[in-house]
Protein backbone atom coordinates (compact mmCIF):
# COMPACT_ATOMS: atom_id res chain seq x y z
CA MET A 1 6.38 -24.74 13.45
CA ALA A 2 5.39 -20.61 14.10
CA SER A 3 5.23 -18.16 11.84
CA ILE A 4 4.47 -14.19 12.11
CA LYS A 5 3.78 -11.86 10.22
CA ILE A 6 4.57 -7.70 10.33
CA LYS A 7 3.01 -4.97 8.09
CA LEU A 8 3.25 -1.36 9.41
CA GLY A 9 2.29 0.56 6.00
CA ILE A 10 3.26 -0.15 3.85
CA LEU A 11 5.80 -2.97 4.91
CA GLU A 12 5.07 -6.41 5.11
CA LEU A 13 7.57 -8.63 6.50
CA GLY A 14 6.89 -12.26 7.49
CA CYS A 15 9.29 -15.07 8.86
CA GLU A 16 8.49 -19.15 9.60
CA GLY A 17 11.01 -21.56 11.91
CA PRO A 18 11.15 -23.38 14.34
CA GLU A 19 9.85 -21.09 17.56
CA GLU A 20 13.09 -20.81 19.18
CA PHE A 21 14.77 -19.07 15.93
CA LEU A 22 11.39 -16.32 16.45
CA LYS A 23 12.48 -16.22 19.33
CA THR A 24 15.97 -14.99 19.17
CA GLU A 25 14.84 -13.01 15.63
CA VAL A 26 12.04 -11.08 15.93
CA PRO A 27 13.62 -8.71 18.37
CA VAL A 28 15.94 -8.03 15.66
CA LEU A 29 12.74 -8.54 12.79
CA LEU A 30 11.67 -5.18 14.22
CA LYS A 31 14.14 -3.40 14.91
CA LEU A 32 14.72 -3.27 10.93
CA VAL A 33 11.43 -2.53 10.84
CA LEU A 34 10.52 0.27 12.85
CA GLU A 35 13.85 1.48 10.94
CA THR A 36 12.95 1.55 7.73
CA HIS A 37 9.68 2.62 8.18
CA SER A 38 10.61 5.76 9.83
CA LYS A 39 12.41 7.01 6.65
CA ILE A 40 9.13 6.12 4.58
CA PRO A 41 8.00 9.48 4.06
CA VAL A 42 4.51 10.02 6.58
CA GLN A 43 1.86 9.85 3.44
CA ALA A 44 2.77 6.88 2.36
CA ALA A 45 2.53 5.23 5.99
CA THR A 46 -0.50 3.26 7.42
CA THR A 47 -1.70 1.15 10.35
CA ALA A 48 0.25 -1.50 12.26
CA SER A 49 -0.55 -4.79 12.24
CA VAL A 50 1.67 -7.75 13.81
CA THR A 51 -1.27 -9.96 13.72
CA PRO A 52 -3.31 -10.68 9.91
CA GLY A 53 -6.49 -9.04 10.56
CA THR A 54 -5.54 -6.79 13.83
CA HIS A 55 -4.55 -3.14 13.65
CA ALA A 56 -2.61 -0.93 16.10
CA PRO A 57 -3.04 2.11 16.20
CA ASN A 58 -0.33 4.90 17.27
CA GLY A 59 -1.01 6.62 20.77
CA ASN A 60 -3.35 9.23 19.48
CA GLY A 61 -5.79 6.69 17.60
CA LYS A 62 -5.17 7.72 14.62
CA ALA A 63 -2.21 6.28 13.09
CA HIS A 64 -2.89 7.21 9.54
CA THR A 65 -4.33 9.29 7.30
CA GLY A 66 -5.87 7.63 4.19
CA ALA A 67 -7.07 10.83 2.12
CA LEU A 68 -5.49 11.20 -1.85
CA PRO A 69 -3.60 13.91 -2.34
CA GLY A 70 -6.00 16.43 -3.51
CA PHE A 71 -8.79 13.91 -3.92
CA GLN A 72 -11.75 16.27 -3.08
CA SER A 73 -15.41 14.23 -3.79
CA THR A 74 -18.97 13.54 -1.94
CA THR A 75 -20.28 10.58 -1.02
CA GLU A 76 -22.76 11.20 -4.23
CA ASN A 77 -20.10 11.38 -6.33
CA ILE A 78 -18.43 8.07 -4.77
CA ALA A 79 -20.98 5.82 -5.20
CA VAL A 80 -21.63 6.95 -9.16
CA LYS A 81 -18.45 6.29 -9.59
CA LEU A 82 -17.60 2.68 -7.55
CA GLY A 83 -21.65 2.12 -9.70
CA ALA A 84 -23.55 1.82 -5.82
CA LYS A 85 -27.09 0.06 -6.71
CA SER A 86 -27.60 -1.11 -2.72
CA GLY A 87 -27.59 0.43 0.44
CA ALA A 88 -24.46 -1.41 1.77
CA ASP A 89 -22.72 0.02 -2.08
CA LEU A 90 -23.83 3.58 -0.60
CA VAL A 91 -23.08 2.81 2.82
CA LEU A 92 -19.56 1.60 1.30
CA ALA A 93 -18.98 4.53 -0.62
CA ALA A 94 -19.57 6.98 2.95
CA ALA A 95 -17.08 4.53 4.03
CA ALA A 96 -14.66 5.03 1.42
CA ARG A 97 -15.50 9.10 1.59
CA MET A 98 -14.35 9.57 5.07
CA VAL A 99 -10.75 7.45 4.22
CA PHE A 100 -9.81 8.83 0.57
CA VAL A 101 -11.37 12.39 1.28
CA LEU A 102 -11.36 13.39 5.18
CA GLY A 103 -8.62 11.02 6.30
CA LYS A 104 -10.53 8.85 9.07
CA ASN A 105 -9.55 5.47 9.16
CA THR A 106 -12.39 4.28 11.77
CA PHE A 107 -15.57 5.72 11.98
CA THR A 108 -18.48 4.55 14.41
CA ARG A 109 -22.20 3.25 12.41
CA ASP A 110 -23.49 6.96 13.02
CA GLU A 111 -20.96 8.69 11.76
CA LEU A 112 -21.48 6.50 8.38
CA ASN A 113 -25.19 6.68 8.72
CA ASP A 114 -24.99 10.62 8.55
CA GLU A 115 -22.74 10.51 5.57
CA ILE A 116 -25.26 8.30 3.34
CA LYS A 117 -27.78 11.18 3.83
CA THR A 118 -25.29 13.43 2.08
CA ALA A 119 -26.01 11.51 -1.10
CA THR A 120 -29.25 12.77 -1.88
CA GLY A 121 -29.82 11.06 -5.23
CA PHE A 122 -28.55 7.63 -3.70
CA TYR A 123 -30.21 7.82 -0.30
CA ASN A 124 -33.66 6.57 0.94
CA THR A 125 -34.95 5.98 4.39
CA ASN A 126 -34.99 2.47 4.04
CA HIS A 127 -30.96 2.08 4.16
CA THR A 128 -31.12 3.49 7.60
CA LYS A 129 -34.09 0.86 8.79
CA ASN A 130 -30.87 -1.01 7.05
CA LEU A 131 -28.11 -0.42 7.89
CA THR A 132 -27.38 -2.92 10.52
CA GLY A 133 -27.22 -5.47 7.42
CA SER A 134 -25.29 -3.69 5.17
CA LEU A 135 -22.84 -3.73 7.52
CA ARG A 136 -23.08 -6.90 8.40
CA SER A 137 -22.92 -7.87 4.99
CA LEU A 138 -20.08 -5.40 3.90
CA VAL A 139 -17.74 -7.05 6.65
CA LYS A 140 -18.73 -10.23 5.89
CA ASP A 141 -17.51 -9.72 2.05
CA ASP A 142 -14.09 -8.44 3.34
CA LYS A 143 -14.91 -5.42 2.48
CA LEU A 144 -15.54 -3.55 5.86
CA ASN A 145 -13.62 -4.39 9.22
CA GLU A 146 -16.20 -4.46 12.60
CA VAL A 147 -12.36 -3.10 14.60
CA ALA A 148 -14.36 -2.66 17.72
CA THR A 149 -18.50 -2.59 18.69
CA GLY A 150 -20.49 0.32 16.08
CA ASN A 151 -16.61 1.06 14.70
CA TYR A 152 -15.83 0.11 11.01
CA ALA A 153 -12.95 0.74 8.95
CA LEU A 154 -12.14 -0.12 4.99
CA SER A 155 -10.55 -3.76 5.01
CA THR A 156 -7.02 -3.75 3.94
CA ASN A 157 -7.81 -5.85 0.74
CA SER A 158 -10.73 -3.29 0.21
CA LYS A 159 -9.16 -0.34 -0.24
CA PRO A 160 -6.22 -0.50 -3.33
CA GLU A 161 -10.03 -1.71 -5.41
CA ILE A 162 -11.86 1.67 -4.21
CA GLU A 163 -9.23 4.17 -4.35
CA VAL A 164 -8.64 2.38 -8.73
CA LYS A 165 -12.53 3.19 -8.92
CA ILE A 166 -13.00 6.33 -7.52
CA ARG A 167 -9.68 7.81 -9.16
CA GLY A 168 -10.68 6.47 -12.52
């Protein structure tokens, strides 16, 4: 028995069956997914995923802008809305600003560090000293994914929860 899960933007399809069936039917399924995806407005499109937990960007490395249309906010304001109480919470607020305001899918450790420093009501130098621990904690808790060494993205699971909190 074999299975495949395909996620392309807001489309998510799964198929399970005998290996021979998948070998013949997956190309048909992929064609259908690509045709359907091309009809979805660009703002609704997100990163492609063939295997859970892995993302395939488009040719320029930027698969989608996650910015919320018309949404503007600071990391400090997002930290307030998320009820930030720790360095990890502040890092998550910085990541949320990069995704939902700046439209970045991925960001480096240095970008996160620079962004947390802008939240002057929350930031202290210990947050930079403990950045490695905060990042590990967020990855372990499935809030962030480390997509490459030193490069992070909001996890698929955390995005909707964060979006609801920051819009409210």
